[in-house]
N, C-alpha and C. Protein backbone atom coordinates (compact mmCIF):
# COMPACT_ATOMS: atom_id res chain seq x y z
N MET A 1 1.21 -4.42 -15.28
CA MET A 1 1.34 -4.30 -13.85
C MET A 1 0.03 -4.72 -13.18
N LYS A 2 0.14 -5.55 -12.17
CA LYS A 2 -1.03 -5.98 -11.41
C LYS A 2 -0.83 -5.57 -9.96
N ILE A 3 -1.90 -5.09 -9.36
CA ILE A 3 -1.88 -4.80 -7.93
C ILE A 3 -2.32 -6.07 -7.22
N THR A 4 -1.49 -6.58 -6.34
CA THR A 4 -1.81 -7.81 -5.63
C THR A 4 -2.79 -7.52 -4.49
N SER A 5 -3.41 -8.58 -3.99
CA SER A 5 -4.32 -8.40 -2.86
C SER A 5 -3.55 -7.91 -1.64
N GLN A 6 -2.31 -8.33 -1.51
CA GLN A 6 -1.49 -7.86 -0.38
C GLN A 6 -1.29 -6.35 -0.46
N GLU A 7 -1.03 -5.83 -1.65
CA GLU A 7 -0.85 -4.39 -1.83
C GLU A 7 -2.16 -3.64 -1.59
N GLU A 8 -3.23 -4.13 -2.18
CA GLU A 8 -4.54 -3.48 -2.06
C GLU A 8 -5.01 -3.47 -0.61
N TYR A 9 -5.05 -4.65 0.03
CA TYR A 9 -5.56 -4.72 1.40
C TYR A 9 -4.58 -4.14 2.41
N GLY A 10 -3.30 -4.22 2.12
CA GLY A 10 -2.33 -3.58 3.01
C GLY A 10 -2.53 -2.08 3.06
N LEU A 11 -2.73 -1.49 1.90
CA LEU A 11 -2.99 -0.05 1.83
C LEU A 11 -4.33 0.28 2.49
N ARG A 12 -5.34 -0.54 2.24
CA ARG A 12 -6.65 -0.31 2.85
C ARG A 12 -6.59 -0.43 4.38
N CYS A 13 -5.83 -1.40 4.88
CA CYS A 13 -5.66 -1.53 6.34
C CYS A 13 -4.99 -0.29 6.91
N LEU A 14 -4.01 0.22 6.20
CA LEU A 14 -3.33 1.44 6.65
C LEU A 14 -4.29 2.62 6.68
N LEU A 15 -5.14 2.72 5.68
CA LEU A 15 -6.15 3.79 5.67
C LEU A 15 -7.14 3.62 6.83
N GLN A 16 -7.48 2.38 7.14
CA GLN A 16 -8.39 2.13 8.27
C GLN A 16 -7.74 2.54 9.59
N VAL A 17 -6.45 2.36 9.72
CA VAL A 17 -5.75 2.81 10.93
C VAL A 17 -5.95 4.31 11.09
N VAL A 18 -5.84 5.04 10.00
CA VAL A 18 -6.04 6.50 10.05
C VAL A 18 -7.49 6.82 10.44
N ILE A 19 -8.43 6.16 9.80
CA ILE A 19 -9.85 6.43 10.03
C ILE A 19 -10.27 6.08 11.46
N LEU A 20 -9.76 4.96 11.98
CA LEU A 20 -10.23 4.45 13.27
C LEU A 20 -9.51 5.02 14.49
N THR A 21 -8.42 5.72 14.28
CA THR A 21 -7.67 6.22 15.43
C THR A 21 -7.95 7.69 15.68
N SER A 22 -7.79 8.04 16.93
CA SER A 22 -7.80 9.44 17.32
C SER A 22 -6.50 9.68 18.08
N LYS A 23 -6.33 10.83 18.68
CA LYS A 23 -5.06 11.12 19.37
C LYS A 23 -4.77 10.13 20.48
N ASP A 24 -5.79 9.69 21.20
CA ASP A 24 -5.58 8.80 22.34
C ASP A 24 -6.02 7.36 22.09
N GLU A 25 -6.61 7.10 20.95
CA GLU A 25 -7.19 5.80 20.68
C GLU A 25 -6.38 5.04 19.65
N LEU A 26 -6.40 3.72 19.77
CA LEU A 26 -5.74 2.85 18.81
C LEU A 26 -6.80 2.14 17.97
N ALA A 27 -6.41 1.71 16.79
CA ALA A 27 -7.29 0.93 15.93
C ALA A 27 -7.07 -0.54 16.26
N SER A 28 -8.13 -1.24 16.64
CA SER A 28 -7.98 -2.66 16.98
C SER A 28 -7.89 -3.49 15.70
N LEU A 29 -7.21 -4.61 15.83
CA LEU A 29 -7.07 -5.54 14.71
C LEU A 29 -8.45 -5.99 14.22
N GLU A 30 -9.34 -6.27 15.16
CA GLU A 30 -10.68 -6.73 14.80
C GLU A 30 -11.45 -5.67 14.02
N ASP A 31 -11.36 -4.42 14.46
CA ASP A 31 -12.07 -3.34 13.77
C ASP A 31 -11.53 -3.11 12.36
N ILE A 32 -10.22 -3.21 12.22
CA ILE A 32 -9.59 -3.04 10.90
C ILE A 32 -10.05 -4.16 9.96
N ALA A 33 -9.98 -5.40 10.44
CA ALA A 33 -10.38 -6.56 9.63
C ALA A 33 -11.86 -6.48 9.27
N LYS A 34 -12.69 -6.10 10.23
CA LYS A 34 -14.13 -6.00 9.99
C LYS A 34 -14.44 -4.93 8.94
N ALA A 35 -13.78 -3.79 9.05
CA ALA A 35 -14.02 -2.68 8.10
C ALA A 35 -13.66 -3.07 6.68
N GLU A 36 -12.66 -3.93 6.52
CA GLU A 36 -12.21 -4.33 5.18
C GLU A 36 -12.74 -5.70 4.74
N HIS A 37 -13.53 -6.34 5.59
CA HIS A 37 -14.11 -7.65 5.29
C HIS A 37 -13.03 -8.69 4.98
N ILE A 38 -12.00 -8.70 5.82
CA ILE A 38 -10.94 -9.70 5.71
C ILE A 38 -10.78 -10.38 7.07
N THR A 39 -10.09 -11.50 7.09
CA THR A 39 -9.89 -12.21 8.36
C THR A 39 -8.91 -11.43 9.24
N THR A 40 -9.01 -11.66 10.53
CA THR A 40 -8.06 -11.00 11.44
C THR A 40 -6.64 -11.53 11.21
N ASP A 41 -6.52 -12.79 10.81
CA ASP A 41 -5.19 -13.34 10.52
C ASP A 41 -4.53 -12.61 9.35
N TYR A 42 -5.32 -12.36 8.30
CA TYR A 42 -4.77 -11.67 7.13
C TYR A 42 -4.44 -10.22 7.48
N ALA A 43 -5.31 -9.57 8.22
CA ALA A 43 -5.04 -8.19 8.65
C ALA A 43 -3.78 -8.15 9.52
N ALA A 44 -3.63 -9.13 10.41
CA ALA A 44 -2.44 -9.19 11.27
C ALA A 44 -1.17 -9.35 10.44
N LYS A 45 -1.23 -10.19 9.42
CA LYS A 45 -0.08 -10.39 8.54
C LYS A 45 0.30 -9.08 7.84
N LEU A 46 -0.69 -8.39 7.30
CA LEU A 46 -0.44 -7.14 6.58
C LEU A 46 0.09 -6.06 7.52
N LEU A 47 -0.50 -5.95 8.69
CA LEU A 47 -0.06 -4.94 9.65
C LEU A 47 1.33 -5.25 10.20
N SER A 48 1.69 -6.52 10.26
CA SER A 48 3.04 -6.90 10.67
C SER A 48 4.06 -6.41 9.64
N ILE A 49 3.73 -6.56 8.37
CA ILE A 49 4.61 -6.06 7.29
C ILE A 49 4.75 -4.54 7.40
N LEU A 50 3.64 -3.87 7.62
CA LEU A 50 3.65 -2.40 7.72
C LEU A 50 4.40 -1.94 8.98
N ARG A 51 4.31 -2.74 10.05
CA ARG A 51 5.05 -2.41 11.28
C ARG A 51 6.55 -2.57 11.06
N GLN A 52 6.94 -3.63 10.38
CA GLN A 52 8.37 -3.85 10.10
C GLN A 52 8.94 -2.74 9.23
N ALA A 53 8.10 -2.11 8.42
CA ALA A 53 8.53 -1.00 7.56
C ALA A 53 8.41 0.35 8.29
N ASN A 54 8.10 0.30 9.58
CA ASN A 54 7.95 1.51 10.41
C ASN A 54 6.85 2.45 9.92
N LEU A 55 5.80 1.89 9.36
CA LEU A 55 4.66 2.71 8.94
C LEU A 55 3.58 2.75 10.02
N VAL A 56 3.48 1.67 10.80
CA VAL A 56 2.56 1.63 11.94
C VAL A 56 3.31 1.17 13.17
N GLU A 57 2.74 1.50 14.32
CA GLU A 57 3.24 1.01 15.60
C GLU A 57 2.14 0.18 16.22
N SER A 58 2.53 -0.86 16.95
CA SER A 58 1.53 -1.69 17.60
C SER A 58 1.72 -1.63 19.11
N VAL A 59 0.60 -1.73 19.80
CA VAL A 59 0.60 -1.77 21.26
C VAL A 59 -0.12 -3.05 21.66
N ARG A 60 0.53 -3.85 22.48
CA ARG A 60 -0.07 -5.12 22.92
C ARG A 60 -1.01 -4.90 24.09
N GLY A 61 -1.82 -5.90 24.34
CA GLY A 61 -2.68 -5.88 25.51
C GLY A 61 -4.14 -5.73 25.16
N LYS A 62 -4.96 -5.73 26.22
CA LYS A 62 -6.41 -5.67 26.05
C LYS A 62 -6.85 -4.40 25.32
N SER A 63 -6.23 -3.30 25.63
CA SER A 63 -6.56 -2.02 24.97
C SER A 63 -5.60 -1.72 23.83
N GLY A 64 -4.90 -2.74 23.36
CA GLY A 64 -3.89 -2.55 22.33
C GLY A 64 -4.49 -2.32 20.96
N GLY A 65 -3.61 -2.10 20.02
CA GLY A 65 -4.03 -1.88 18.65
C GLY A 65 -2.92 -1.25 17.84
N TYR A 66 -3.30 -0.51 16.82
CA TYR A 66 -2.34 0.07 15.89
C TYR A 66 -2.56 1.56 15.74
N LYS A 67 -1.46 2.25 15.47
CA LYS A 67 -1.51 3.67 15.13
C LYS A 67 -0.40 3.92 14.12
N LEU A 68 -0.52 5.01 13.39
CA LEU A 68 0.52 5.37 12.43
C LEU A 68 1.79 5.76 13.16
N SER A 69 2.92 5.50 12.55
CA SER A 69 4.20 5.89 13.15
C SER A 69 4.50 7.37 12.91
N LYS A 70 3.82 7.95 11.93
CA LYS A 70 3.93 9.39 11.66
C LYS A 70 2.60 9.86 11.07
N SER A 71 2.45 11.13 10.88
CA SER A 71 1.16 11.66 10.41
C SER A 71 0.85 11.18 8.99
N PRO A 72 -0.44 11.08 8.64
CA PRO A 72 -0.82 10.61 7.30
C PRO A 72 -0.32 11.52 6.18
N GLU A 73 -0.03 12.77 6.51
CA GLU A 73 0.53 13.70 5.51
C GLU A 73 1.97 13.35 5.17
N LYS A 74 2.62 12.56 6.03
CA LYS A 74 4.04 12.24 5.83
C LYS A 74 4.28 10.80 5.40
N ILE A 75 3.22 10.06 5.15
CA ILE A 75 3.36 8.69 4.64
C ILE A 75 2.89 8.70 3.19
N TYR A 76 3.82 8.37 2.30
CA TYR A 76 3.54 8.42 0.86
C TYR A 76 3.40 7.00 0.29
N LEU A 77 2.65 6.90 -0.79
CA LEU A 77 2.34 5.60 -1.37
C LEU A 77 3.57 4.83 -1.83
N ASP A 78 4.63 5.52 -2.23
CA ASP A 78 5.81 4.78 -2.68
C ASP A 78 6.37 3.92 -1.55
N GLU A 79 6.44 4.45 -0.33
CA GLU A 79 6.99 3.66 0.77
C GLU A 79 6.01 2.56 1.19
N VAL A 80 4.72 2.81 1.07
CA VAL A 80 3.73 1.78 1.39
C VAL A 80 3.84 0.62 0.40
N MET A 81 3.89 0.94 -0.89
CA MET A 81 3.96 -0.11 -1.91
C MET A 81 5.28 -0.88 -1.83
N ARG A 82 6.37 -0.19 -1.57
CA ARG A 82 7.66 -0.89 -1.43
C ARG A 82 7.63 -1.81 -0.22
N ALA A 83 6.99 -1.38 0.86
CA ALA A 83 6.90 -2.21 2.06
C ALA A 83 6.09 -3.48 1.78
N LEU A 84 5.02 -3.33 1.03
CA LEU A 84 4.12 -4.45 0.79
C LEU A 84 4.58 -5.39 -0.31
N SER A 85 5.38 -4.87 -1.26
CA SER A 85 5.73 -5.74 -2.39
C SER A 85 7.11 -5.55 -2.98
N GLY A 86 7.87 -4.60 -2.49
CA GLY A 86 9.15 -4.32 -3.13
C GLY A 86 8.91 -3.43 -4.33
N GLU A 87 9.66 -3.64 -5.38
CA GLU A 87 9.50 -2.85 -6.60
C GLU A 87 8.28 -3.33 -7.37
N LEU A 88 7.55 -2.40 -7.96
CA LEU A 88 6.37 -2.78 -8.74
C LEU A 88 6.74 -3.40 -10.07
N PHE A 89 7.85 -2.95 -10.65
CA PHE A 89 8.35 -3.54 -11.89
C PHE A 89 9.70 -4.15 -11.59
N GLU A 90 9.89 -5.37 -12.00
CA GLU A 90 11.18 -6.03 -11.82
C GLU A 90 12.07 -5.61 -12.98
N THR A 91 13.01 -4.73 -12.71
CA THR A 91 13.87 -4.21 -13.77
C THR A 91 15.09 -5.10 -14.00
N GLU A 92 15.28 -6.07 -13.16
CA GLU A 92 16.41 -6.99 -13.32
C GLU A 92 15.91 -8.33 -13.87
N SER A 93 15.08 -8.29 -14.90
CA SER A 93 14.46 -9.51 -15.40
C SER A 93 15.46 -10.53 -15.92
N CYS A 94 16.61 -10.09 -16.35
CA CYS A 94 17.61 -11.04 -16.87
C CYS A 94 18.14 -11.98 -15.79
N ARG A 95 17.97 -11.60 -14.54
CA ARG A 95 18.40 -12.48 -13.46
C ARG A 95 17.55 -13.74 -13.40
N GLN A 96 16.37 -13.66 -13.95
CA GLN A 96 15.47 -14.81 -13.95
C GLN A 96 15.40 -15.45 -15.33
N PHE A 97 16.41 -15.24 -16.12
CA PHE A 97 16.47 -15.76 -17.49
C PHE A 97 16.37 -17.28 -17.48
N THR A 98 15.53 -17.82 -18.35
CA THR A 98 15.34 -19.27 -18.38
C THR A 98 15.75 -19.88 -19.72
N GLY A 99 16.54 -19.15 -20.48
CA GLY A 99 16.98 -19.66 -21.78
C GLY A 99 18.02 -20.76 -21.63
N ASN A 100 18.63 -21.14 -22.76
CA ASN A 100 19.62 -22.21 -22.77
C ASN A 100 20.96 -21.76 -22.19
N ASP A 101 21.27 -20.47 -22.29
CA ASP A 101 22.54 -19.97 -21.77
C ASP A 101 22.42 -19.68 -20.27
N LEU A 102 23.56 -19.41 -19.66
CA LEU A 102 23.57 -19.10 -18.23
C LEU A 102 23.00 -17.73 -17.93
N LYS A 103 23.09 -16.82 -18.90
CA LYS A 103 22.52 -15.48 -18.72
C LYS A 103 21.95 -15.01 -20.05
N CYS A 104 21.14 -13.98 -19.99
CA CYS A 104 20.51 -13.43 -21.19
C CYS A 104 21.58 -12.89 -22.14
N ILE A 105 21.45 -13.14 -23.41
CA ILE A 105 22.44 -12.67 -24.39
C ILE A 105 22.38 -11.17 -24.59
N HIS A 106 21.30 -10.52 -24.14
CA HIS A 106 21.13 -9.07 -24.32
C HIS A 106 21.52 -8.26 -23.09
N ILE A 107 22.11 -8.90 -22.11
CA ILE A 107 22.34 -8.23 -20.82
C ILE A 107 23.20 -6.97 -20.94
N SER A 108 24.12 -6.93 -21.87
CA SER A 108 25.00 -5.76 -21.98
C SER A 108 24.36 -4.60 -22.75
N CYS A 109 23.36 -4.88 -23.58
CA CYS A 109 22.75 -3.80 -24.37
C CYS A 109 21.24 -4.02 -24.52
N CYS A 110 20.58 -4.22 -23.41
CA CYS A 110 19.14 -4.52 -23.44
C CYS A 110 18.33 -3.25 -23.64
N SER A 111 17.61 -3.20 -24.75
CA SER A 111 16.77 -2.02 -25.03
C SER A 111 15.43 -2.11 -24.30
N ILE A 112 15.01 -3.28 -23.93
CA ILE A 112 13.72 -3.45 -23.26
C ILE A 112 13.81 -3.08 -21.78
N ARG A 113 14.88 -3.49 -21.13
CA ARG A 113 15.02 -3.24 -19.70
C ARG A 113 14.99 -1.76 -19.38
N SER A 114 15.53 -0.94 -20.26
CA SER A 114 15.53 0.51 -20.01
C SER A 114 14.11 1.07 -20.01
N VAL A 115 13.23 0.47 -20.80
CA VAL A 115 11.82 0.90 -20.81
C VAL A 115 11.18 0.59 -19.46
N TRP A 116 11.38 -0.64 -18.95
CA TRP A 116 10.80 -1.02 -17.65
C TRP A 116 11.36 -0.14 -16.54
N LEU A 117 12.63 0.16 -16.62
CA LEU A 117 13.24 1.02 -15.60
C LEU A 117 12.64 2.42 -15.64
N SER A 118 12.44 2.96 -16.83
CA SER A 118 11.83 4.30 -16.96
C SER A 118 10.40 4.32 -16.43
N ILE A 119 9.63 3.29 -16.75
CA ILE A 119 8.25 3.21 -16.26
C ILE A 119 8.23 3.12 -14.74
N SER A 120 9.10 2.29 -14.20
CA SER A 120 9.19 2.15 -12.75
C SER A 120 9.53 3.47 -12.07
N GLN A 121 10.49 4.19 -12.63
CA GLN A 121 10.89 5.48 -12.07
C GLN A 121 9.75 6.49 -12.14
N MET A 122 9.02 6.52 -13.25
CA MET A 122 7.88 7.45 -13.38
C MET A 122 6.77 7.11 -12.39
N LEU A 123 6.47 5.82 -12.27
CA LEU A 123 5.41 5.39 -11.37
C LEU A 123 5.75 5.74 -9.92
N PHE A 124 6.96 5.40 -9.49
CA PHE A 124 7.33 5.71 -8.11
C PHE A 124 7.47 7.21 -7.90
N GLY A 125 7.81 7.94 -8.95
CA GLY A 125 7.84 9.40 -8.85
C GLY A 125 6.45 9.94 -8.55
N MET A 126 5.43 9.36 -9.19
CA MET A 126 4.06 9.77 -8.92
C MET A 126 3.62 9.35 -7.53
N LEU A 127 3.95 8.12 -7.14
CA LEU A 127 3.55 7.62 -5.83
C LEU A 127 4.21 8.39 -4.69
N LYS A 128 5.37 8.99 -4.96
CA LYS A 128 6.05 9.81 -3.95
C LYS A 128 5.30 11.10 -3.66
N ARG A 129 4.36 11.45 -4.51
CA ARG A 129 3.62 12.71 -4.35
C ARG A 129 2.23 12.51 -3.75
N VAL A 130 1.83 11.27 -3.52
CA VAL A 130 0.49 10.99 -3.00
C VAL A 130 0.61 10.44 -1.58
N SER A 131 0.04 11.17 -0.63
CA SER A 131 0.10 10.75 0.78
C SER A 131 -1.19 10.03 1.17
N LEU A 132 -1.16 9.39 2.34
CA LEU A 132 -2.38 8.78 2.86
C LEU A 132 -3.46 9.84 3.05
N SER A 133 -3.05 11.00 3.50
CA SER A 133 -3.99 12.11 3.69
C SER A 133 -4.66 12.49 2.37
N ASP A 134 -3.88 12.52 1.29
CA ASP A 134 -4.45 12.81 -0.03
C ASP A 134 -5.49 11.77 -0.42
N LEU A 135 -5.18 10.50 -0.19
CA LEU A 135 -6.12 9.43 -0.53
C LEU A 135 -7.41 9.56 0.25
N LEU A 136 -7.30 9.84 1.53
CA LEU A 136 -8.50 9.95 2.35
C LEU A 136 -9.35 11.13 1.95
N SER A 137 -8.74 12.24 1.61
CA SER A 137 -9.53 13.40 1.21
C SER A 137 -10.25 13.14 -0.11
N LYS A 138 -9.59 12.45 -1.03
CA LYS A 138 -10.23 12.11 -2.30
C LYS A 138 -11.36 11.12 -2.08
N GLU A 139 -11.15 10.17 -1.18
CA GLU A 139 -12.17 9.17 -0.90
C GLU A 139 -13.39 9.83 -0.25
N ASN A 140 -13.15 10.77 0.65
CA ASN A 140 -14.25 11.47 1.30
C ASN A 140 -15.06 12.29 0.30
N VAL A 141 -14.37 12.96 -0.61
CA VAL A 141 -15.06 13.75 -1.64
C VAL A 141 -15.91 12.84 -2.51
N LEU A 142 -15.35 11.71 -2.94
CA LEU A 142 -16.09 10.77 -3.78
C LEU A 142 -17.29 10.19 -3.03
N THR A 143 -17.10 9.83 -1.77
CA THR A 143 -18.19 9.28 -0.98
C THR A 143 -19.33 10.28 -0.84
N LYS A 144 -19.00 11.53 -0.54
CA LYS A 144 -20.03 12.57 -0.41
C LYS A 144 -20.76 12.78 -1.73
N TYR A 145 -20.03 12.77 -2.83
CA TYR A 145 -20.63 12.95 -4.15
C TYR A 145 -21.60 11.81 -4.46
N LEU A 146 -21.15 10.57 -4.23
CA LEU A 146 -22.00 9.42 -4.53
C LEU A 146 -23.25 9.40 -3.65
N LYS A 147 -23.11 9.76 -2.38
CA LYS A 147 -24.28 9.82 -1.50
C LYS A 147 -25.27 10.86 -1.99
N LYS A 148 -24.76 12.00 -2.44
CA LYS A 148 -25.62 13.07 -2.95
C LYS A 148 -26.35 12.59 -4.20
N GLU A 149 -25.62 11.94 -5.12
CA GLU A 149 -26.23 11.45 -6.36
C GLU A 149 -27.27 10.38 -6.07
N LEU A 150 -26.98 9.48 -5.13
CA LEU A 150 -27.93 8.43 -4.79
C LEU A 150 -29.19 9.00 -4.15
N THR A 151 -29.03 10.06 -3.38
CA THR A 151 -30.18 10.72 -2.76
C THR A 151 -31.07 11.34 -3.83
N LEU A 152 -30.46 11.91 -4.85
CA LEU A 152 -31.22 12.52 -5.93
C LEU A 152 -31.99 11.49 -6.75
N ILE A 153 -31.43 10.29 -6.86
CA ILE A 153 -32.06 9.23 -7.65
C ILE A 153 -33.28 8.67 -6.93
N THR A 154 -33.21 8.53 -5.61
CA THR A 154 -34.31 7.89 -4.86
C THR A 154 -35.42 8.81 -4.52
């Protein structure tokens, strides 16, 4: 399994929306892109995908920007990853069969596909338990720890 740049930066842009917004303020496209060191075009593409999945809302205009469509405690990684990439494991691999026959000869009793399906179900089961809020709290703890350790070294 590989995490694509779209998945990585899409999730990071979503986290920046949480970090940069307050109750009355929106996160600007420029601020999100700058915080993640990506182009505004790429950030706009990712946020458009997240908006279509109803994870963020956008407001147009000079004071426009982005905000979450619901609280960070209610947005889980499984829906973020599905929005950005669909399924992480393609369990219907026989549909892309490139052998000599029209379909895979193992399609009726494939022992391998059941393994991919089980892994996919376990992974998404775990992702259903991790919210954006969980990620931010872990990131804050790690950041504080690293700053403390770096202070001790210098």
